[in-house]
PDB file of all heavy atoms in Angstrom:
ATOM      1  N   PHE A   1     -68.903 -87.362   9.771  1.00  0.00           N
ATOM      2  CA  PHE A   1     -70.324 -87.368  10.113  1.00  0.00           C
ATOM      3  C   PHE A   1     -70.679 -86.190  11.015  1.00  0.00           C
ATOM      4  O   PHE A   1     -71.745 -86.185  11.639  1.00  0.00           O
ATOM      5  CB  PHE A   1     -70.704 -88.661  10.840  1.00  0.00           C
ATOM      6  CG  PHE A   1     -70.809 -89.878   9.966  1.00  0.00           C
ATOM      7  CD1 PHE A   1     -69.711 -90.683   9.738  1.00  0.00           C
ATOM      8  CD2 PHE A   1     -72.015 -90.222   9.376  1.00  0.00           C
ATOM      9  CE1 PHE A   1     -69.796 -91.811   8.953  1.00  0.00           C
ATOM     10  CE2 PHE A   1     -72.115 -91.352   8.585  1.00  0.00           C
ATOM     11  CZ  PHE A   1     -70.999 -92.156   8.367  1.00  0.00           C
ATOM     12  N   ARG A   2     -69.836 -85.185  11.088  1.00  0.00           N
ATOM     13  CA  ARG A   2     -70.104 -84.080  12.003  1.00  0.00           C
ATOM     14  C   ARG A   2     -71.464 -83.429  11.710  1.00  0.00           C
ATOM     15  O   ARG A   2     -71.771 -83.096  10.573  1.00  0.00           O
ATOM     16  CB  ARG A   2     -69.007 -83.025  11.894  1.00  0.00           C
ATOM     17  CG  ARG A   2     -67.695 -83.412  12.555  1.00  0.00           C
ATOM     18  CD  ARG A   2     -66.644 -82.358  12.313  1.00  0.00           C
ATOM     19  NE  ARG A   2     -66.345 -82.222  10.887  1.00  0.00           N
ATOM     20  CZ  ARG A   2     -65.755 -81.164  10.330  1.00  0.00           C
ATOM     21  NH1 ARG A   2     -65.411 -80.132  11.079  1.00  0.00           N
ATOM     22  NH2 ARG A   2     -65.517 -81.142   9.033  1.00  0.00           N
ATOM     23  N   GLY A   3     -72.261 -83.295  12.755  1.00  0.00           N
ATOM     24  CA  GLY A   3     -73.562 -82.638  12.621  1.00  0.00           C
ATOM     25  C   GLY A   3     -74.584 -83.431  11.846  1.00  0.00           C
ATOM     26  O   GLY A   3     -75.655 -82.918  11.516  1.00  0.00           O
ATOM     27  N   ALA A   4     -74.307 -84.704  11.549  1.00  0.00           N
ATOM     28  CA  ALA A   4     -75.257 -85.519  10.783  1.00  0.00           C
ATOM     29  C   ALA A   4     -76.357 -86.071  11.687  1.00  0.00           C
ATOM     30  O   ALA A   4     -76.174 -86.237  12.887  1.00  0.00           O
ATOM     31  CB  ALA A   4     -74.532 -86.664  10.085  1.00  0.00           C
ATOM     32  N   VAL A   5     -77.503 -86.361  11.092  1.00  0.00           N
ATOM     33  CA  VAL A   5     -78.611 -87.006  11.796  1.00  0.00           C
ATOM     34  C   VAL A   5     -78.724 -88.421  11.250  1.00  0.00           C
ATOM     35  O   VAL A   5     -79.037 -88.618  10.082  1.00  0.00           O
ATOM     36  CB  VAL A   5     -79.935 -86.255  11.580  1.00  0.00           C
ATOM     37  CG1 VAL A   5     -81.069 -86.962  12.301  1.00  0.00           C
ATOM     38  CG2 VAL A   5     -79.823 -84.822  12.071  1.00  0.00           C
ATOM     39  N   VAL A   6     -78.434 -89.417  12.104  1.00  0.00           N
ATOM     40  CA  VAL A   6     -78.419 -90.808  11.655  1.00  0.00           C
ATOM     41  C   VAL A   6     -79.439 -91.610  12.479  1.00  0.00           C
ATOM     42  O   VAL A   6     -79.277 -92.800  12.720  1.00  0.00           O
ATOM     43  CB  VAL A   6     -76.997 -91.396  11.772  1.00  0.00           C
ATOM     44  CG1 VAL A   6     -76.825 -92.610  10.853  1.00  0.00           C
ATOM     45  CG2 VAL A   6     -75.935 -90.364  11.363  1.00  0.00           C
ATOM     46  N   SER A   7     -80.496 -90.938  12.909  1.00  0.00           N
ATOM     47  CA  SER A   7     -81.509 -91.552  13.771  1.00  0.00           C
ATOM     48  C   SER A   7     -82.171 -92.744  13.083  1.00  0.00           C
ATOM     49  O   SER A   7     -82.590 -92.667  11.931  1.00  0.00           O
ATOM     50  CB  SER A   7     -82.586 -90.528  14.131  1.00  0.00           C
ATOM     51  OG  SER A   7     -82.039 -89.453  14.846  1.00  0.00           O
ATOM     52  N   GLY A   8     -82.255 -93.858  13.819  1.00  0.00           N
ATOM     53  CA  GLY A   8     -82.979 -95.020  13.326  1.00  0.00           C
ATOM     54  C   GLY A   8     -82.319 -95.728  12.170  1.00  0.00           C
ATOM     55  O   GLY A   8     -82.917 -96.629  11.570  1.00  0.00           O
ATOM     56  N   ALA A   9     -81.091 -95.376  11.841  1.00  0.00           N
ATOM     57  CA  ALA A   9     -80.393 -96.017  10.722  1.00  0.00           C
ATOM     58  C   ALA A   9     -79.839 -97.373  11.148  1.00  0.00           C
ATOM     59  O   ALA A   9     -79.653 -97.647  12.327  1.00  0.00           O
ATOM     60  CB  ALA A   9     -79.265 -95.125  10.217  1.00  0.00           C
ATOM     61  N   ASN A  10     -79.560 -98.220  10.161  1.00  0.00           N
ATOM     62  CA  ASN A  10     -78.974 -99.530  10.432  1.00  0.00           C
ATOM     63  C   ASN A  10     -77.505 -99.497  10.051  1.00  0.00           C
ATOM     64  O   ASN A  10     -77.158 -99.397   8.876  1.00  0.00           O
ATOM     65  CB  ASN A  10     -79.705-100.610   9.619  1.00  0.00           C
ATOM     66  CG  ASN A  10     -79.223-102.017   9.956  1.00  0.00           C
ATOM     67  OD1 ASN A  10     -78.226-102.199  10.655  1.00  0.00           O
ATOM     68  ND2 ASN A  10     -79.928-103.014   9.463  1.00  0.00           N
ATOM     69  N   LEU A  11     -76.618 -99.575  11.065  1.00  0.00           N
ATOM     70  CA  LEU A  11     -75.182 -99.566  10.844  1.00  0.00           C
ATOM     71  C   LEU A  11     -74.539-100.870  11.317  1.00  0.00           C
ATOM     72  O   LEU A  11     -73.342-100.925  11.575  1.00  0.00           O
ATOM     73  CB  LEU A  11     -74.527 -98.387  11.565  1.00  0.00           C
ATOM     74  CG  LEU A  11     -74.896 -96.989  11.081  1.00  0.00           C
ATOM     75  CD1 LEU A  11     -75.793 -96.287  12.075  1.00  0.00           C
ATOM     76  CD2 LEU A  11     -73.648 -96.153  10.835  1.00  0.00           C
ATOM     77  N   SER A  12     -75.332-101.930  11.406  1.00  0.00           N
ATOM     78  CA  SER A  12     -74.810-103.198  11.907  1.00  0.00           C
ATOM     79  C   SER A  12     -73.610-103.646  11.079  1.00  0.00           C
ATOM     80  O   SER A  12     -73.677-103.708   9.851  1.00  0.00           O
ATOM     81  CB  SER A  12     -75.894-104.279  11.850  1.00  0.00           C
ATOM     82  OG  SER A  12     -76.989-103.939  12.657  1.00  0.00           O
ATOM     83  N   GLY A  13     -72.528-103.966  11.775  1.00  0.00           N
ATOM     84  CA  GLY A  13     -71.349-104.474  11.089  1.00  0.00           C
ATOM     85  C   GLY A  13     -70.591-103.452  10.285  1.00  0.00           C
ATOM     86  O   GLY A  13     -69.661-103.805   9.544  1.00  0.00           O
ATOM     87  N   ALA A  14     -70.931-102.188  10.395  1.00  0.00           N
ATOM     88  CA  ALA A  14     -70.238-101.149   9.626  1.00  0.00           C
ATOM     89  C   ALA A  14     -68.860-100.872  10.229  1.00  0.00           C
ATOM     90  O   ALA A  14     -68.649-101.028  11.426  1.00  0.00           O
ATOM     91  CB  ALA A  14     -71.065 -99.871   9.606  1.00  0.00           C
ATOM     92  N   ASP A  15     -67.929-100.485   9.376  1.00  0.00           N
ATOM     93  CA  ASP A  15     -66.596-100.110   9.825  1.00  0.00           C
ATOM     94  C   ASP A  15     -66.507 -98.593   9.837  1.00  0.00           C
ATOM     95  O   ASP A  15     -66.521 -97.951   8.789  1.00  0.00           O
ATOM     96  CB  ASP A  15     -65.540-100.685   8.877  1.00  0.00           C
ATOM     97  CG  ASP A  15     -64.107-100.435   9.373  1.00  0.00           C
ATOM     98  OD1 ASP A  15     -63.954 -99.700  10.375  1.00  0.00           O
ATOM     99  OD2 ASP A  15     -63.173-100.963   8.768  1.00  0.00           O
ATOM    100  N   MET A  16     -66.441 -98.016  11.048  1.00  0.00           N
ATOM    101  CA  MET A  16     -66.381 -96.570  11.191  1.00  0.00           C
ATOM    102  C   MET A  16     -65.096 -96.150  11.892  1.00  0.00           C
ATOM    103  O   MET A  16     -65.041 -95.148  12.596  1.00  0.00           O
ATOM    104  CB  MET A  16     -67.611 -96.073  11.952  1.00  0.00           C
ATOM    105  CG  MET A  16     -68.923 -96.435  11.274  1.00  0.00           C
ATOM    106  SD  MET A  16     -70.373 -95.789  12.135  1.00  0.00           S
ATOM    107  CE  MET A  16     -70.273 -94.052  11.683  1.00  0.00           C
ATOM    108  N   GLU A  17     -64.041 -96.933  11.676  1.00  0.00           N
ATOM    109  CA  GLU A  17     -62.763 -96.636  12.316  1.00  0.00           C
ATOM    110  C   GLU A  17     -62.265 -95.247  11.924  1.00  0.00           C
ATOM    111  O   GLU A  17     -62.184 -94.899  10.751  1.00  0.00           O
ATOM    112  CB  GLU A  17     -61.714 -97.678  11.925  1.00  0.00           C
ATOM    113  CG  GLU A  17     -60.382 -97.476  12.622  1.00  0.00           C
ATOM    114  CD  GLU A  17     -59.409 -98.610  12.381  1.00  0.00           C
ATOM    115  OE1 GLU A  17     -59.793 -99.591  11.713  1.00  0.00           O
ATOM    116  OE2 GLU A  17     -58.270 -98.517  12.868  1.00  0.00           O
ATOM    117  N   GLY A  18     -61.962 -94.446  12.938  1.00  0.00           N
ATOM    118  CA  GLY A  18     -61.435 -93.107  12.707  1.00  0.00           C
ATOM    119  C   GLY A  18     -62.457 -92.106  12.214  1.00  0.00           C
ATOM    120  O   GLY A  18     -62.101 -90.990  11.816  1.00  0.00           O
ATOM    121  N   ALA A  19     -63.744 -92.460  12.246  1.00  0.00           N
ATOM    122  CA  ALA A  19     -64.778 -91.535  11.768  1.00  0.00           C
ATOM    123  C   ALA A  19     -64.916 -90.339  12.706  1.00  0.00           C
ATOM    124  O   ALA A  19     -64.660 -90.436  13.910  1.00  0.00           O
ATOM    125  CB  ALA A  19     -66.120 -92.253  11.648  1.00  0.00           C
ATOM    126  N   ASP A  20     -65.316 -89.207  12.147  1.00  0.00           N
ATOM    127  CA  ASP A  20     -65.505 -87.985  12.931  1.00  0.00           C
ATOM    128  C   ASP A  20     -66.990 -87.804  13.196  1.00  0.00           C
ATOM    129  O   ASP A  20     -67.773 -87.511  12.275  1.00  0.00           O
ATOM    130  CB  ASP A  20     -64.949 -86.777  12.169  1.00  0.00           C
ATOM    131  CG  ASP A  20     -64.805 -85.545  13.067  1.00  0.00           C
ATOM    132  OD1 ASP A  20     -65.439 -85.526  14.144  1.00  0.00           O
ATOM    133  OD2 ASP A  20     -64.069 -84.620  12.685  1.00  0.00           O
ATOM    134  N   LEU A  21     -67.408 -88.002  14.460  1.00  0.00           N
ATOM    135  CA  LEU A  21     -68.820 -87.940  14.840  1.00  0.00           C
ATOM    136  C   LEU A  21     -69.101 -86.765  15.767  1.00  0.00           C
ATOM    137  O   LEU A  21     -70.093 -86.751  16.477  1.00  0.00           O
ATOM    138  CB  LEU A  21     -69.241 -89.248  15.531  1.00  0.00           C
ATOM    139  CG  LEU A  21     -68.780 -90.569  14.900  1.00  0.00           C
ATOM    140  CD1 LEU A  21     -69.237 -91.748  15.748  1.00  0.00           C
ATOM    141  CD2 LEU A  21     -69.321 -90.704  13.494  1.00  0.00           C
ATOM    142  N   ARG A  22     -68.249 -85.764  15.725  1.00  0.00           N
ATOM    143  CA  ARG A  22     -68.425 -84.619  16.616  1.00  0.00           C
ATOM    144  C   ARG A  22     -69.537 -83.695  16.121  1.00  0.00           C
ATOM    145  O   ARG A  22     -70.119 -83.890  15.057  1.00  0.00           O
ATOM    146  CB  ARG A  22     -67.116 -83.838  16.710  1.00  0.00           C
ATOM    147  CG  ARG A  22     -65.982 -84.590  17.380  1.00  0.00           C
ATOM    148  CD  ARG A  22     -64.694 -83.820  17.274  1.00  0.00           C
ATOM    149  NE  ARG A  22     -64.279 -83.631  15.885  1.00  0.00           N
ATOM    150  CZ  ARG A  22     -63.278 -82.846  15.497  1.00  0.00           C
ATOM    151  NH1 ARG A  22     -62.588 -82.172  16.397  1.00  0.00           N
ATOM    152  NH2 ARG A  22     -62.964 -82.735  14.224  1.00  0.00           N
ATOM    153  N   SER A  23     -69.814 -82.668  16.926  1.00  0.00           N
ATOM    154  CA  SER A  23     -70.802 -81.669  16.533  1.00  0.00           C
ATOM    155  C   SER A  23     -70.306 -80.918  15.300  1.00  0.00           C
ATOM    156  O   SER A  23     -69.105 -80.791  15.062  1.00  0.00           O
ATOM    157  CB  SER A  23     -71.032 -80.666  17.671  1.00  0.00           C
ATOM    158  OG  SER A  23     -71.455 -81.334  18.832  1.00  0.00           O
ATOM    159  N   GLY A  24     -71.239 -80.410  14.528  1.00  0.00           N
ATOM    160  CA  GLY A  24     -70.866 -79.646  13.337  1.00  0.00           C
ATOM    161  C   GLY A  24     -72.067 -78.944  12.747  1.00  0.00           C
ATOM    162  O   GLY A  24     -73.200 -79.402  12.876  1.00  0.00           O
ATOM    163  N   MET A  25     -71.824 -77.809  12.094  1.00  0.00           N
ATOM    164  CA  MET A  25     -72.923 -77.027  11.528  1.00  0.00           C
ATOM    165  C   MET A  25     -72.436 -76.279  10.303  1.00  0.00           C
ATOM    166  O   MET A  25     -71.389 -75.638  10.328  1.00  0.00           O
ATOM    167  CB  MET A  25     -73.451 -76.024  12.579  1.00  0.00           C
ATOM    168  CG  MET A  25     -74.695 -75.282  12.134  1.00  0.00           C
ATOM    169  SD  MET A  25     -76.075 -76.433  11.954  1.00  0.00           S
ATOM    170  CE  MET A  25     -77.210 -75.428  11.040  1.00  0.00           C
ATOM    171  N   VAL A  26     -73.179 -76.373   9.214  1.00  0.00           N
ATOM    172  CA  VAL A  26     -72.836 -75.638   8.004  1.00  0.00           C
ATOM    173  C   VAL A  26     -73.144 -74.164   8.206  1.00  0.00           C
ATOM    174  O   VAL A  26     -74.236 -73.800   8.651  1.00  0.00           O
ATOM    175  CB  VAL A  26     -73.632 -76.169   6.790  1.00  0.00           C
ATOM    176  CG1 VAL A  26     -73.302 -75.361   5.548  1.00  0.00           C
ATOM    177  CG2 VAL A  26     -73.317 -77.634   6.555  1.00  0.00           C
ATOM    178  N   MET A  27     -72.185 -73.307   7.878  1.00  0.00           N
ATOM    179  CA  MET A  27     -72.352 -71.865   8.037  1.00  0.00           C
ATOM    180  C   MET A  27     -72.261 -71.171   6.674  1.00  0.00           C
ATOM    181  O   MET A  27     -71.662 -71.685   5.729  1.00  0.00           O
ATOM    182  CB  MET A  27     -71.263 -71.307   8.963  1.00  0.00           C
ATOM    183  CG  MET A  27     -71.178 -71.993  10.318  1.00  0.00           C
ATOM    184  SD  MET A  27     -72.625 -71.753  11.366  1.00  0.00           S
ATOM    185  CE  MET A  27     -72.390 -70.044  11.852  1.00  0.00           C
ATOM    186  N   GLU A  28     -72.879 -70.002   6.588  1.00  0.00           N
ATOM    187  CA  GLU A  28     -72.789 -69.174   5.385  1.00  0.00           C
ATOM    188  C   GLU A  28     -72.776 -67.698   5.806  1.00  0.00           C
ATOM    189  O   GLU A  28     -73.143 -67.356   6.922  1.00  0.00           O
ATOM    190  CB  GLU A  28     -73.973 -69.455   4.458  1.00  0.00           C
ATOM    191  CG  GLU A  28     -75.319 -69.036   5.027  1.00  0.00           C
ATOM    192  CD  GLU A  28     -76.455 -69.261   4.040  1.00  0.00           C
ATOM    193  OE1 GLU A  28     -76.178 -69.621   2.900  1.00  0.00           O
ATOM    194  OE2 GLU A  28     -77.611 -69.055   4.434  1.00  0.00           O
ATOM    195  N   ARG A  29     -72.372 -66.841   4.883  1.00  0.00           N
ATOM    196  CA  ARG A  29     -72.357 -65.410   5.181  1.00  0.00           C
ATOM    197  C   ARG A  29     -73.684 -64.781   4.777  1.00  0.00           C
ATOM    198  O   ARG A  29     -74.193 -65.014   3.694  1.00  0.00           O
ATOM    199  CB  ARG A  29     -71.197 -64.724   4.456  1.00  0.00           C
ATOM    200  CG  ARG A  29     -69.839 -65.075   5.050  1.00  0.00           C
ATOM    201  CD  ARG A  29     -68.762 -64.067   4.678  1.00  0.00           C
ATOM    202  NE  ARG A  29     -67.500 -64.424   5.313  1.00  0.00           N
ATOM    203  CZ  ARG A  29     -67.170 -64.091   6.545  1.00  0.00           C
ATOM    204  NH1 ARG A  29     -68.004 -63.386   7.283  1.00  0.00           N
ATOM    205  NH2 ARG A  29     -65.999 -64.457   7.047  1.00  0.00           N
ATOM    206  N   SER A  30     -74.217 -63.966   5.679  1.00  0.00           N
ATOM    207  CA  SER A  30     -75.462 -63.255   5.402  1.00  0.00           C
ATOM    208  C   SER A  30     -75.179 -62.054   4.506  1.00  0.00           C
ATOM    209  O   SER A  30     -74.018 -61.744   4.207  1.00  0.00           O
ATOM    210  CB  SER A  30     -76.100 -62.787   6.707  1.00  0.00           C
ATOM    211  OG  SER A  30     -75.288 -61.790   7.310  1.00  0.00           O
ATOM    212  N   GLU A  31     -76.237 -61.376   4.111  1.00  0.00           N
ATOM    213  CA  GLU A  31     -76.067 -60.175   3.287  1.00  0.00           C
ATOM    214  C   GLU A  31     -75.297 -59.103   4.043  1.00  0.00           C
ATOM    215  O   GLU A  31     -74.663 -58.230   3.434  1.00  0.00           O
ATOM    216  CB  GLU A  31     -77.440 -59.645   2.862  1.00  0.00           C
ATOM    217  CG  GLU A  31     -78.191 -60.597   1.940  1.00  0.00           C
ATOM    218  CD  GLU A  31     -79.557 -60.056   1.585  1.00  0.00           C
ATOM    219  OE1 GLU A  31     -79.927 -58.967   2.101  1.00  0.00           O
ATOM    220  OE2 GLU A  31     -80.279 -60.712   0.800  1.00  0.00           O
ATOM    221  N   GLN A  32     -75.353 -59.171   5.378  1.00  0.00           N
ATOM    222  CA  GLN A  32     -74.637 -58.196   6.193  1.00  0.00           C
ATOM    223  C   GLN A  32     -73.169 -58.600   6.408  1.00  0.00           C
ATOM    224  O   GLN A  32     -72.402 -57.882   7.046  1.00  0.00           O
ATOM    225  CB  GLN A  32     -75.317 -58.039   7.564  1.00  0.00           C
ATOM    226  CG  GLN A  32     -76.699 -57.401   7.509  1.00  0.00           C
ATOM    227  CD  GLN A  32     -77.766 -58.373   7.003  1.00  0.00           C
ATOM    228  OE1 GLN A  32     -77.638 -59.578   7.168  1.00  0.00           O
ATOM    229  NE2 GLN A  32     -78.797 -57.835   6.370  1.00  0.00           N
TER     230      GLN A  32
END
């Protein structure tokens, strides 16, 4: 879940054992 936006979501009773909730950002190479 790195860098995901899960605002206002319902995760009641969900199993997120070992999930990765750290910061994250998709990168790409520019024309330069």
